[in-house]
Amino acid sequence: CLRKIEDLRGSRVLAYVTGDRPPVQAQIGDDAVRPLITLLRE
């Protein structure tokens, strides 16, 4: 799917998804910044 989006958009795609499954819903947090930076550097 990511490759299809890149082909359709002529872009590079970065995905960030936080789950909302009860009872432990995830939220955007500072801990996610480091792996996202790693992906952007690559």
PDB file of all heavy atoms in Angstrom:
ATOM      1  N   CYS A   1       0.828  -1.205   0.000  1.00  0.00           N
ATOM      2  CA  CYS A   1       0.000   0.000   0.000  1.00  0.00           C
ATOM      3  C   CYS A   1       0.863   1.256   0.000  1.00  0.00           C
ATOM      4  O   CYS A   1       0.576   2.231  -0.727  1.00  0.00           O
ATOM      5  CB  CYS A   1      -0.926   0.006   1.214  1.00  0.00           C
ATOM      6  SG  CYS A   1      -2.256  -1.227   1.185  1.00  0.00           S
ATOM      7  N   LEU A   2       1.910   1.270   0.813  1.00  0.00           N
ATOM      8  CA  LEU A   2       2.797   2.441   0.872  1.00  0.00           C
ATOM      9  C   LEU A   2       3.421   2.718  -0.497  1.00  0.00           C
ATOM     10  O   LEU A   2       3.520   3.882  -0.922  1.00  0.00           O
ATOM     11  CB  LEU A   2       3.889   2.221   1.919  1.00  0.00           C
ATOM     12  CG  LEU A   2       3.437   2.194   3.388  1.00  0.00           C
ATOM     13  CD1 LEU A   2       4.564   1.724   4.297  1.00  0.00           C
ATOM     14  CD2 LEU A   2       2.946   3.566   3.836  1.00  0.00           C
ATOM     15  N   ARG A   3       3.837   1.670  -1.185  1.00  0.00           N
ATOM     16  CA  ARG A   3       4.442   1.850  -2.512  1.00  0.00           C
ATOM     17  C   ARG A   3       3.421   2.346  -3.525  1.00  0.00           C
ATOM     18  O   ARG A   3       3.739   3.174  -4.395  1.00  0.00           O
ATOM     19  CB  ARG A   3       5.061   0.537  -2.971  1.00  0.00           C
ATOM     20  CG  ARG A   3       6.353   0.199  -2.223  1.00  0.00           C
ATOM     21  CD  ARG A   3       6.852  -1.172  -2.576  1.00  0.00           C
ATOM     22  NE  ARG A   3       8.135  -1.449  -1.914  1.00  0.00           N
ATOM     23  CZ  ARG A   3       8.570  -2.655  -1.596  1.00  0.00           C
ATOM     24  NH1 ARG A   3       7.817  -3.721  -1.894  1.00  0.00           N
ATOM     25  NH2 ARG A   3       9.737  -2.826  -1.018  1.00  0.00           N
ATOM     26  N   LYS A   4       2.172   1.868  -3.414  1.00  0.00           N
ATOM     27  CA  LYS A   4       1.123   2.353  -4.325  1.00  0.00           C
ATOM     28  C   LYS A   4       0.879   3.850  -4.107  1.00  0.00           C
ATOM     29  O   LYS A   4       0.703   4.600  -5.075  1.00  0.00           O
ATOM     30  CB  LYS A   4      -0.171   1.569  -4.098  1.00  0.00           C
ATOM     31  CG  LYS A   4      -0.159   0.165  -4.674  1.00  0.00           C
ATOM     32  CD  LYS A   4      -1.497  -0.519  -4.427  1.00  0.00           C
ATOM     33  CE  LYS A   4      -1.501  -1.929  -4.986  1.00  0.00           C
ATOM     34  NZ  LYS A   4      -2.801  -2.616  -4.703  1.00  0.00           N
ATOM     35  N   ILE A   5       0.866   4.273  -2.836  1.00  0.00           N
ATOM     36  CA  ILE A   5       0.667   5.697  -2.548  1.00  0.00           C
ATOM     37  C   ILE A   5       1.808   6.518  -3.128  1.00  0.00           C
ATOM     38  O   ILE A   5       1.584   7.584  -3.724  1.00  0.00           O
ATOM     39  CB  ILE A   5       0.547   5.922  -1.027  1.00  0.00           C
ATOM     40  CG1 ILE A   5      -0.692   5.219  -0.469  1.00  0.00           C
ATOM     41  CG2 ILE A   5       0.469   7.416  -0.704  1.00  0.00           C
ATOM     42  CD1 ILE A   5      -0.753   5.189   1.048  1.00  0.00           C
ATOM     43  N   GLU A   6       3.017   6.040  -2.966  1.00  0.00           N
ATOM     44  CA  GLU A   6       4.168   6.768  -3.512  1.00  0.00           C
ATOM     45  C   GLU A   6       4.080   6.868  -5.030  1.00  0.00           C
ATOM     46  O   GLU A   6       4.402   7.926  -5.613  1.00  0.00           O
ATOM     47  CB  GLU A   6       5.465   6.072  -3.092  1.00  0.00           C
ATOM     48  CG  GLU A   6       5.769   6.216  -1.609  1.00  0.00           C
ATOM     49  CD  GLU A   6       7.135   5.697  -1.215  1.00  0.00           C
ATOM     50  OE1 GLU A   6       7.720   4.905  -1.989  1.00  0.00           O
ATOM     51  OE2 GLU A   6       7.632   6.077  -0.144  1.00  0.00           O
ATOM     52  N   ASP A   7       3.640   5.794  -5.695  1.00  0.00           N
ATOM     53  CA  ASP A   7       3.500   5.841  -7.158  1.00  0.00           C
ATOM     54  C   ASP A   7       2.404   6.820  -7.569  1.00  0.00           C
ATOM     55  O   ASP A   7       2.571   7.593  -8.540  1.00  0.00           O
ATOM     56  CB  ASP A   7       3.168   4.440  -7.691  1.00  0.00           C
ATOM     57  CG  ASP A   7       4.344   3.477  -7.589  1.00  0.00           C
ATOM     58  OD1 ASP A   7       5.493   3.962  -7.440  1.00  0.00           O
ATOM     59  OD2 ASP A   7       4.124   2.254  -7.634  1.00  0.00           O
ATOM     60  N   LEU A   8       1.281   6.811  -6.864  1.00  0.00           N
ATOM     61  CA  LEU A   8       0.171   7.707  -7.202  1.00  0.00           C
ATOM     62  C   LEU A   8       0.518   9.166  -6.947  1.00  0.00           C
ATOM     63  O   LEU A   8       0.091  10.053  -7.685  1.00  0.00           O
ATOM     64  CB  LEU A   8      -1.079   7.325  -6.392  1.00  0.00           C
ATOM     65  CG  LEU A   8      -1.780   6.024  -6.774  1.00  0.00           C
ATOM     66  CD1 LEU A   8      -2.824   5.652  -5.725  1.00  0.00           C
ATOM     67  CD2 LEU A   8      -2.437   6.160  -8.149  1.00  0.00           C
ATOM     68  N   ARG A   9       1.284   9.419  -5.907  1.00  0.00           N
ATOM     69  CA  ARG A   9       1.553  10.785  -5.469  1.00  0.00           C
ATOM     70  C   ARG A   9       2.901  11.316  -5.934  1.00  0.00           C
ATOM     71  O   ARG A   9       3.159  12.520  -5.832  1.00  0.00           O
ATOM     72  CB  ARG A   9       1.510  10.842  -3.945  1.00  0.00           C
ATOM     73  CG  ARG A   9       0.167  10.482  -3.329  1.00  0.00           C
ATOM     74  CD  ARG A   9      -0.726  11.661  -3.226  1.00  0.00           C
ATOM     75  NE  ARG A   9      -0.108  12.711  -2.417  1.00  0.00           N
ATOM     76  CZ  ARG A   9      -0.554  13.955  -2.360  1.00  0.00           C
ATOM     77  NH1 ARG A   9      -1.616  14.312  -3.066  1.00  0.00           N
ATOM     78  NH2 ARG A   9       0.050  14.841  -1.595  1.00  0.00           N
ATOM     79  N   GLY A  10       3.782  10.440  -6.417  1.00  0.00           N
ATOM     80  CA  GLY A  10       5.125  10.875  -6.780  1.00  0.00           C
ATOM     81  C   GLY A  10       5.873  11.418  -5.568  1.00  0.00           C
ATOM     82  O   GLY A  10       6.541  12.450  -5.648  1.00  0.00           O
ATOM     83  N   SER A  11       5.734  10.727  -4.430  1.00  0.00           N
ATOM     84  CA  SER A  11       6.274  11.223  -3.164  1.00  0.00           C
ATOM     85  C   SER A  11       6.952  10.099  -2.404  1.00  0.00           C
ATOM     86  O   SER A  11       6.943   8.938  -2.820  1.00  0.00           O
ATOM     87  CB  SER A  11       5.147  11.809  -2.305  1.00  0.00           C
ATOM     88  OG  SER A  11       4.248  10.764  -1.925  1.00  0.00           O
ATOM     89  N   ARG A  12       7.534  10.448  -1.261  1.00  0.00           N
ATOM     90  CA  ARG A  12       7.975   9.466  -0.271  1.00  0.00           C
ATOM     91  C   ARG A  12       6.978   9.515   0.882  1.00  0.00           C
ATOM     92  O   ARG A  12       6.582  10.612   1.315  1.00  0.00           O
ATOM     93  CB  ARG A  12       9.382   9.795   0.231  1.00  0.00           C
ATOM     94  CG  ARG A  12      10.442   9.814  -0.875  1.00  0.00           C
ATOM     95  CD  ARG A  12      10.547   8.466  -1.589  1.00  0.00           C
ATOM     96  NE  ARG A  12      10.753   7.369  -0.657  1.00  0.00           N
ATOM     97  CZ  ARG A  12      11.957   7.009  -0.174  1.00  0.00           C
ATOM     98  NH1 ARG A  12      13.046   7.678  -0.542  1.00  0.00           N
ATOM     99  NH2 ARG A  12      12.074   6.000   0.650  1.00  0.00           N
ATOM    100  N   VAL A  13       6.578   8.357   1.370  1.00  0.00           N
ATOM    101  CA  VAL A  13       5.516   8.279   2.371  1.00  0.00           C
ATOM    102  C   VAL A  13       6.080   7.858   3.722  1.00  0.00           C
ATOM    103  O   VAL A  13       6.859   6.905   3.822  1.00  0.00           O
ATOM    104  CB  VAL A  13       4.397   7.303   1.937  1.00  0.00           C
ATOM    105  CG1 VAL A  13       3.349   7.167   3.037  1.00  0.00           C
ATOM    106  CG2 VAL A  13       3.750   7.780   0.642  1.00  0.00           C
ATOM    107  N   LEU A  14       5.668   8.592   4.751  1.00  0.00           N
ATOM    108  CA  LEU A  14       5.953   8.258   6.138  1.00  0.00           C
ATOM    109  C   LEU A  14       4.614   8.047   6.824  1.00  0.00           C
ATOM    110  O   LEU A  14       3.735   8.914   6.749  1.00  0.00           O
ATOM    111  CB  LEU A  14       6.727   9.395   6.817  1.00  0.00           C
ATOM    112  CG  LEU A  14       6.960   9.284   8.325  1.00  0.00           C
ATOM    113  CD1 LEU A  14       7.898   8.128   8.641  1.00  0.00           C
ATOM    114  CD2 LEU A  14       7.522  10.596   8.875  1.00  0.00           C
ATOM    115  N   ALA A  15       4.432   6.901   7.483  1.00  0.00           N
ATOM    116  CA  ALA A  15       3.166   6.599   8.165  1.00  0.00           C
ATOM    117  C   ALA A  15       3.377   6.653   9.670  1.00  0.00           C
ATOM    118  O   ALA A  15       4.371   6.144  10.190  1.00  0.00           O
ATOM    119  CB  ALA A  15       2.654   5.229   7.751  1.00  0.00           C
ATOM    120  N   TYR A  16       2.399   7.248  10.354  1.00  0.00           N
ATOM    121  CA  TYR A  16       2.412   7.287  11.819  1.00  0.00           C
ATOM    122  C   TYR A  16       0.990   7.037  12.293  1.00  0.00           C
ATOM    123  O   TYR A  16       0.082   7.828  12.005  1.00  0.00           O
ATOM    124  CB  TYR A  16       2.928   8.643  12.316  1.00  0.00           C
ATOM    125  CG  TYR A  16       2.970   8.795  13.825  1.00  0.00           C
ATOM    126  CD1 TYR A  16       3.242   7.715  14.662  1.00  0.00           C
ATOM    127  CD2 TYR A  16       2.734  10.029  14.421  1.00  0.00           C
ATOM    128  CE1 TYR A  16       3.289   7.861  16.039  1.00  0.00           C
ATOM    129  CE2 TYR A  16       2.783  10.187  15.806  1.00  0.00           C
ATOM    130  CZ  TYR A  16       3.059   9.103  16.606  1.00  0.00           C
ATOM    131  OH  TYR A  16       3.099   9.250  17.977  1.00  0.00           O
ATOM    132  N   VAL A  17       0.803   5.927  12.997  1.00  0.00           N
ATOM    133  CA  VAL A  17      -0.527   5.498  13.424  1.00  0.00           C
ATOM    134  C   VAL A  17      -0.482   5.195  14.912  1.00  0.00           C
ATOM    135  O   VAL A  17       0.375   4.433  15.378  1.00  0.00           O
ATOM    136  CB  VAL A  17      -0.975   4.235  12.658  1.00  0.00           C
ATOM    137  CG1 VAL A  17      -2.296   3.708  13.208  1.00  0.00           C
ATOM    138  CG2 VAL A  17      -1.093   4.537  11.174  1.00  0.00           C
ATOM    139  N   THR A  18      -1.399   5.800  15.679  1.00  0.00           N
ATOM    140  CA  THR A  18      -1.551   5.466  17.093  1.00  0.00           C
ATOM    141  C   THR A  18      -2.884   4.758  17.270  1.00  0.00           C
ATOM    142  O   THR A  18      -3.925   5.273  16.872  1.00  0.00           O
ATOM    143  CB  THR A  18      -1.482   6.716  17.992  1.00  0.00           C
ATOM    144  OG1 THR A  18      -2.555   7.601  17.672  1.00  0.00           O
ATOM    145  CG2 THR A  18      -0.169   7.451  17.799  1.00  0.00           C
ATOM    146  N   GLY A  19      -2.850   3.572  17.860  1.00  0.00           N
ATOM    147  CA  GLY A  19      -4.048   2.762  17.993  1.00  0.00           C
ATOM    148  C   GLY A  19      -4.994   3.286  19.060  1.00  0.00           C
ATOM    149  O   GLY A  19      -4.577   3.933  20.021  1.00  0.00           O
ATOM    150  N   ASP A  20      -6.270   3.002  18.890  1.00  0.00           N
ATOM    151  CA  ASP A  20      -7.273   3.446  19.870  1.00  0.00           C
ATOM    152  C   ASP A  20      -8.116   2.266  20.347  1.00  0.00           C
ATOM    153  O   ASP A  20      -9.318   2.375  20.565  1.00  0.00           O
ATOM    154  CB  ASP A  20      -8.171   4.544  19.291  1.00  0.00           C
ATOM    155  CG  ASP A  20      -8.765   4.175  17.939  1.00  0.00           C
ATOM    156  OD1 ASP A  20      -8.614   3.007  17.529  1.00  0.00           O
ATOM    157  OD2 ASP A  20      -9.393   5.035  17.306  1.00  0.00           O
ATOM    158  N   ARG A  21      -7.467   1.128  20.529  1.00  0.00           N
ATOM    159  CA  ARG A  21      -8.164  -0.061  21.013  1.00  0.00           C
ATOM    160  C   ARG A  21      -8.368   0.022  22.525  1.00  0.00           C
ATOM    161  O   ARG A  21      -7.404   0.099  23.281  1.00  0.00           O
ATOM    162  CB  ARG A  21      -7.346  -1.316  20.692  1.00  0.00           C
ATOM    163  CG  ARG A  21      -7.992  -2.614  21.143  1.00  0.00           C
ATOM    164  CD  ARG A  21      -6.986  -3.746  21.101  1.00  0.00           C
ATOM    165  NE  ARG A  21      -7.600  -5.025  21.411  1.00  0.00           N
ATOM    166  CZ  ARG A  21      -6.920  -6.105  21.770  1.00  0.00           C
ATOM    167  NH1 ARG A  21      -5.597  -6.046  21.878  1.00  0.00           N
ATOM    168  NH2 ARG A  21      -7.555  -7.230  22.033  1.00  0.00           N
ATOM    169  N   PRO A  22      -9.609   0.029  22.997  1.00  0.00           N
ATOM    170  CA  PRO A  22      -9.827   0.035  24.446  1.00  0.00           C
ATOM    171  C   PRO A  22      -9.314  -1.267  25.070  1.00  0.00           C
ATOM    172  O   PRO A  22      -9.405  -2.322  24.437  1.00  0.00           O
ATOM    173  CB  PRO A  22     -11.350   0.138  24.575  1.00  0.00           C
ATOM    174  CG  PRO A  22     -11.802   0.692  23.248  1.00  0.00           C
ATOM    175  CD  PRO A  22     -10.864   0.119  22.244  1.00  0.00           C
ATOM    176  N   PRO A  23      -8.769  -1.225  26.295  1.00  0.00           N
ATOM    177  CA  PRO A  23      -8.741  -0.057  27.183  1.00  0.00           C
ATOM    178  C   PRO A  23      -7.416   0.695  27.181  1.00  0.00           C
ATOM    179  O   PRO A  23      -7.196   1.536  28.041  1.00  0.00           O
ATOM    180  CB  PRO A  23      -8.967  -0.717  28.549  1.00  0.00           C
ATOM    181  CG  PRO A  23      -8.222  -2.012  28.450  1.00  0.00           C
ATOM    182  CD  PRO A  23      -8.386  -2.461  27.026  1.00  0.00           C
ATOM    183  N   VAL A  24      -6.492   0.372  26.268  1.00  0.00           N
ATOM    184  CA  VAL A  24      -5.181   1.027  26.288  1.00  0.00           C
ATOM    185  C   VAL A  24      -4.948   1.791  24.981  1.00  0.00           C
ATOM    186  O   VAL A  24      -4.148   1.405  24.141  1.00  0.00           O
ATOM    187  CB  VAL A  24      -4.034   0.017  26.543  1.00  0.00           C
ATOM    188  CG1 VAL A  24      -3.954  -0.371  27.991  1.00  0.00           C
ATOM    189  CG2 VAL A  24      -4.213  -1.241  25.674  1.00  0.00           C
ATOM    190  N   GLN A  25      -5.687   2.872  24.807  1.00  0.00           N
ATOM    191  CA  GLN A  25      -5.526   3.688  23.615  1.00  0.00           C
ATOM    192  C   GLN A  25      -4.184   4.421  23.654  1.00  0.00           C
ATOM    193  O   GLN A  25      -3.770   4.922  24.695  1.00  0.00           O
ATOM    194  CB  GLN A  25      -6.660   4.710  23.508  1.00  0.00           C
ATOM    195  CG  GLN A  25      -8.032   4.069  23.334  1.00  0.00           C
ATOM    196  CD  GLN A  25      -8.775   3.874  24.628  1.00  0.00           C
ATOM    197  OE1 GLN A  25      -8.164   3.719  25.672  1.00  0.00           O
ATOM    198  NE2 GLN A  25     -10.095   3.900  24.575  1.00  0.00           N
ATOM    199  N   ALA A  26      -3.516   4.454  22.509  1.00  0.00           N
ATOM    200  CA  ALA A  26      -2.231   5.151  22.412  1.00  0.00           C
ATOM    201  C   ALA A  26      -2.473   6.605  22.028  1.00  0.00           C
ATOM    202  O   ALA A  26      -3.503   6.960  21.451  1.00  0.00           O
ATOM    203  CB  ALA A  26      -1.337   4.476  21.380  1.00  0.00           C
ATOM    204  N   GLN A  27      -1.493   7.442  22.343  1.00  0.00           N
ATOM    205  CA  GLN A  27      -1.558   8.855  21.986  1.00  0.00           C
ATOM    206  C   GLN A  27      -0.235   9.293  21.381  1.00  0.00           C
ATOM    207  O   GLN A  27       0.803   8.649  21.579  1.00  0.00           O
ATOM    208  CB  GLN A  27      -1.852   9.705  23.223  1.00  0.00           C
ATOM    209  CG  GLN A  27      -3.248   9.524  23.785  1.00  0.00           C
ATOM    210  CD  GLN A  27      -3.563  10.551  24.856  1.00  0.00           C
ATOM    211  OE1 GLN A  27      -2.699  10.967  25.614  1.00  0.00           O
ATOM    212  NE2 GLN A  27      -4.804  10.979  24.908  1.00  0.00           N
ATOM    213  N   ILE A  28      -0.281  10.376  20.642  1.00  0.00           N
ATOM    214  CA  ILE A  28       0.954  10.985  20.152  1.00  0.00           C
ATOM    215  C   ILE A  28       1.809  11.353  21.354  1.00  0.00           C
ATOM    216  O   ILE A  28       1.342  12.014  22.277  1.00  0.00           O
ATOM    217  CB  ILE A  28       0.636  12.238  19.320  1.00  0.00           C
ATOM    218  CG1 ILE A  28      -0.039  11.846  18.001  1.00  0.00           C
ATOM    219  CG2 ILE A  28       1.893  13.052  19.050  1.00  0.00           C
ATOM    220  CD1 ILE A  28      -0.526  13.021  17.188  1.00  0.00           C
ATOM    221  N   GLY A  29       3.054  10.891  21.356  1.00  0.00           N
ATOM    222  CA  GLY A  29       3.926  11.136  22.499  1.00  0.00           C
ATOM    223  C   GLY A  29       5.338  11.460  22.072  1.00  0.00           C
ATOM    224  O   GLY A  29       5.757  11.176  20.937  1.00  0.00           O
ATOM    225  N   ASP A  30       6.082  12.026  23.004  1.00  0.00           N
ATOM    226  CA  ASP A  30       7.462  12.392  22.726  1.00  0.00           C
ATOM    227  C   ASP A  30       8.313  11.176  22.367  1.00  0.00           C
ATOM    228  O   ASP A  30       9.287  11.291  21.623  1.00  0.00           O
ATOM    229  CB  ASP A  30       8.047  13.108  23.948  1.00  0.00           C
ATOM    230  CG  ASP A  30       9.477  13.568  23.726  1.00  0.00           C
ATOM    231  OD1 ASP A  30       9.675  14.514  22.939  1.00  0.00           O
ATOM    232  OD2 ASP A  30      10.403  12.972  24.321  1.00  0.00           O
ATOM    233  N   ASP A  31       7.946  10.007  22.886  1.00  0.00           N
ATOM    234  CA  ASP A  31       8.728   8.797  22.615  1.00  0.00           C
ATOM    235  C   ASP A  31       8.727   8.424  21.141  1.00  0.00           C
ATOM    236  O   ASP A  31       9.613   7.694  20.677  1.00  0.00           O
ATOM    237  CB  ASP A  31       8.181   7.628  23.446  1.00  0.00           C
ATOM    238  CG  ASP A  31       6.708   7.377  23.157  1.00  0.00           C
ATOM    239  OD1 ASP A  31       5.889   8.238  23.490  1.00  0.00           O
ATOM    240  OD2 ASP A  31       6.385   6.320  22.587  1.00  0.00           O
ATOM    241  N   ALA A  32       7.736   8.906  20.372  1.00  0.00           N
ATOM    242  CA  ALA A  32       7.645   8.566  18.953  1.00  0.00           C
ATOM    243  C   ALA A  32       8.567   9.419  18.086  1.00  0.00           C
ATOM    244  O   ALA A  32       8.840   9.054  16.931  1.00  0.00           O
ATOM    245  CB  ALA A  32       6.207   8.722  18.463  1.00  0.00           C
ATOM    246  N   VAL A  33       9.059  10.534  18.623  1.00  0.00           N
ATOM    247  CA  VAL A  33       9.869  11.452  17.817  1.00  0.00           C
ATOM    248  C   VAL A  33      11.138  10.773  17.317  1.00  0.00           C
ATOM    249  O   VAL A  33      11.532  10.914  16.150  1.00  0.00           O
ATOM    250  CB  VAL A  33      10.204  12.727  18.611  1.00  0.00           C
ATOM    251  CG1 VAL A  33      11.167  13.618  17.828  1.00  0.00           C
ATOM    252  CG2 VAL A  33       8.918  13.495  18.937  1.00  0.00           C
ATOM    253  N   ARG A  34      11.782  10.011  18.199  1.00  0.00           N
ATOM    254  CA  ARG A  34      13.060   9.384  17.812  1.00  0.00           C
ATOM    255  C   ARG A  34      12.906   8.393  16.655  1.00  0.00           C
ATOM    256  O   ARG A  34      13.658   8.485  15.665  1.00  0.00           O
ATOM    257  CB  ARG A  34      13.678   8.705  19.045  1.00  0.00           C
ATOM    258  CG  ARG A  34      15.062   8.103  18.783  1.00  0.00           C
ATOM    259  CD  ARG A  34      16.079   9.199  18.457  1.00  0.00           C
ATOM    260  NE  ARG A  34      17.399   8.657  18.232  1.00  0.00           N
ATOM    261  CZ  ARG A  34      17.833   8.114  17.103  1.00  0.00           C
ATOM    262  NH1 ARG A  34      16.983   8.023  16.077  1.00  0.00           N
ATOM    263  NH2 ARG A  34      19.047   7.650  16.986  1.00  0.00           N
ATOM    264  N   PRO A  35      11.987   7.421  16.701  1.00  0.00           N
ATOM    265  CA  PRO A  35      11.848   6.533  15.539  1.00  0.00           C
ATOM    266  C   PRO A  35      11.409   7.259  14.272  1.00  0.00           C
ATOM    267  O   PRO A  35      11.830   6.893  13.166  1.00  0.00           O
ATOM    268  CB  PRO A  35      10.805   5.500  15.986  1.00  0.00           C
ATOM    269  CG  PRO A  35      10.157   6.064  17.192  1.00  0.00           C
ATOM    270  CD  PRO A  35      11.146   6.962  17.828  1.00  0.00           C
ATOM    271  N   LEU A  36      10.593   8.310  14.413  1.00  0.00           N
ATOM    272  CA  LEU A  36      10.186   9.069  13.227  1.00  0.00           C
ATOM    273  C   LEU A  36      11.374   9.796  12.607  1.00  0.00           C
ATOM    274  O   LEU A  36      11.512   9.858  11.371  1.00  0.00           O
ATOM    275  CB  LEU A  36       9.086  10.069  13.600  1.00  0.00           C
ATOM    276  CG  LEU A  36       7.714   9.449  13.890  1.00  0.00           C
ATOM    277  CD1 LEU A  36       6.792  10.462  14.555  1.00  0.00           C
ATOM    278  CD2 LEU A  36       7.077   8.903  12.611  1.00  0.00           C
ATOM    279  N   ILE A  37      12.257  10.334  13.439  1.00  0.00           N
ATOM    280  CA  ILE A  37      13.468  10.981  12.915  1.00  0.00           C
ATOM    281  C   ILE A  37      14.343   9.964  12.199  1.00  0.00           C
ATOM    282  O   ILE A  37      14.912  10.246  11.128  1.00  0.00           O
ATOM    283  CB  ILE A  37      14.239  11.681  14.053  1.00  0.00           C
ATOM    284  CG1 ILE A  37      13.487  12.934  14.514  1.00  0.00           C
ATOM    285  CG2 ILE A  37      15.654  12.053  13.607  1.00  0.00           C
ATOM    286  CD1 ILE A  37      14.126  13.647  15.685  1.00  0.00           C
ATOM    287  N   THR A  38      14.464   8.761  12.762  1.00  0.00           N
ATOM    288  CA  THR A  38      15.248   7.711  12.103  1.00  0.00           C
ATOM    289  C   THR A  38      14.707   7.424  10.709  1.00  0.00           C
ATOM    290  O   THR A  38      15.467   7.303   9.738  1.00  0.00           O
ATOM    291  CB  THR A  38      15.235   6.426  12.950  1.00  0.00           C
ATOM    292  OG1 THR A  38      15.857   6.683  14.208  1.00  0.00           O
ATOM    293  CG2 THR A  38      15.977   5.297  12.249  1.00  0.00           C
ATOM    294  N   LEU A  39      13.386   7.326  10.592  1.00  0.00           N
ATOM    295  CA  LEU A  39      12.777   7.066   9.294  1.00  0.00           C
ATOM    296  C   LEU A  39      13.018   8.218   8.322  1.00  0.00           C
ATOM    297  O   LEU A  39      13.293   8.000   7.136  1.00  0.00           O
ATOM    298  CB  LEU A  39      11.275   6.816   9.463  1.00  0.00           C
ATOM    299  CG  LEU A  39      10.896   5.543  10.231  1.00  0.00           C
ATOM    300  CD1 LEU A  39       9.408   5.519  10.517  1.00  0.00           C
ATOM    301  CD2 LEU A  39      11.291   4.292   9.443  1.00  0.00           C
ATOM    302  N   LEU A  40      12.908   9.454   8.809  1.00  0.00           N
ATOM    303  CA  LEU A  40      13.139  10.612   7.949  1.00  0.00           C
ATOM    304  C   LEU A  40      14.599  10.679   7.489  1.00  0.00           C
ATOM    305  O   LEU A  40      14.878  11.053   6.340  1.00  0.00           O
ATOM    306  CB  LEU A  40      12.751  11.894   8.685  1.00  0.00           C
ATOM    307  CG  LEU A  40      11.249  12.152   8.816  1.00  0.00           C
ATOM    308  CD1 LEU A  40      10.980  13.304   9.780  1.00  0.00           C
ATOM    309  CD2 LEU A  40      10.631  12.464   7.449  1.00  0.00           C
ATOM    310  N   ARG A  41      15.510  10.328   8.368  1.00  0.00           N
ATOM    311  CA  ARG A  41      16.932  10.329   7.977  1.00  0.00           C
ATOM    312  C   ARG A  41      17.194   9.285   6.883  1.00  0.00           C
ATOM    313  O   ARG A  41      18.004   9.512   5.982  1.00  0.00           O
ATOM    314  CB  ARG A  41      17.811  10.064   9.198  1.00  0.00           C
ATOM    315  CG  ARG A  41      17.868  11.235  10.186  1.00  0.00           C
ATOM    316  CD  ARG A  41      18.701  10.870  11.403  1.00  0.00           C
ATOM    317  NE  ARG A  41      20.096  10.665  11.041  1.00  0.00           N
ATOM    318  CZ  ARG A  41      21.009  11.624  10.981  1.00  0.00           C
ATOM    319  NH1 ARG A  41      20.674  12.883  11.249  1.00  0.00           N
ATOM    320  NH2 ARG A  41      22.254  11.351  10.657  1.00  0.00           N
ATOM    321  N   GLU A  42      16.520   8.146   6.971  1.00  0.00           N
ATOM    322  CA  GLU A  42      16.697   7.118   5.949  1.00  0.00           C
ATOM    323  C   GLU A  42      16.073   7.539   4.620  1.00  0.00           C
ATOM    324  O   GLU A  42      16.576   7.178   3.547  1.00  0.00           O
ATOM    325  CB  GLU A  42      16.101   5.794   6.438  1.00  0.00           C
ATOM    326  CG  GLU A  42      16.889   5.174   7.591  1.00  0.00           C
ATOM    327  CD  GLU A  42      16.301   3.864   8.055  1.00  0.00           C
ATOM    328  OE1 GLU A  42      15.220   3.496   7.560  1.00  0.00           O
ATOM    329  OE2 GLU A  42      16.916   3.202   8.915  1.00  0.00           O
TER     330      GLU A  42
END
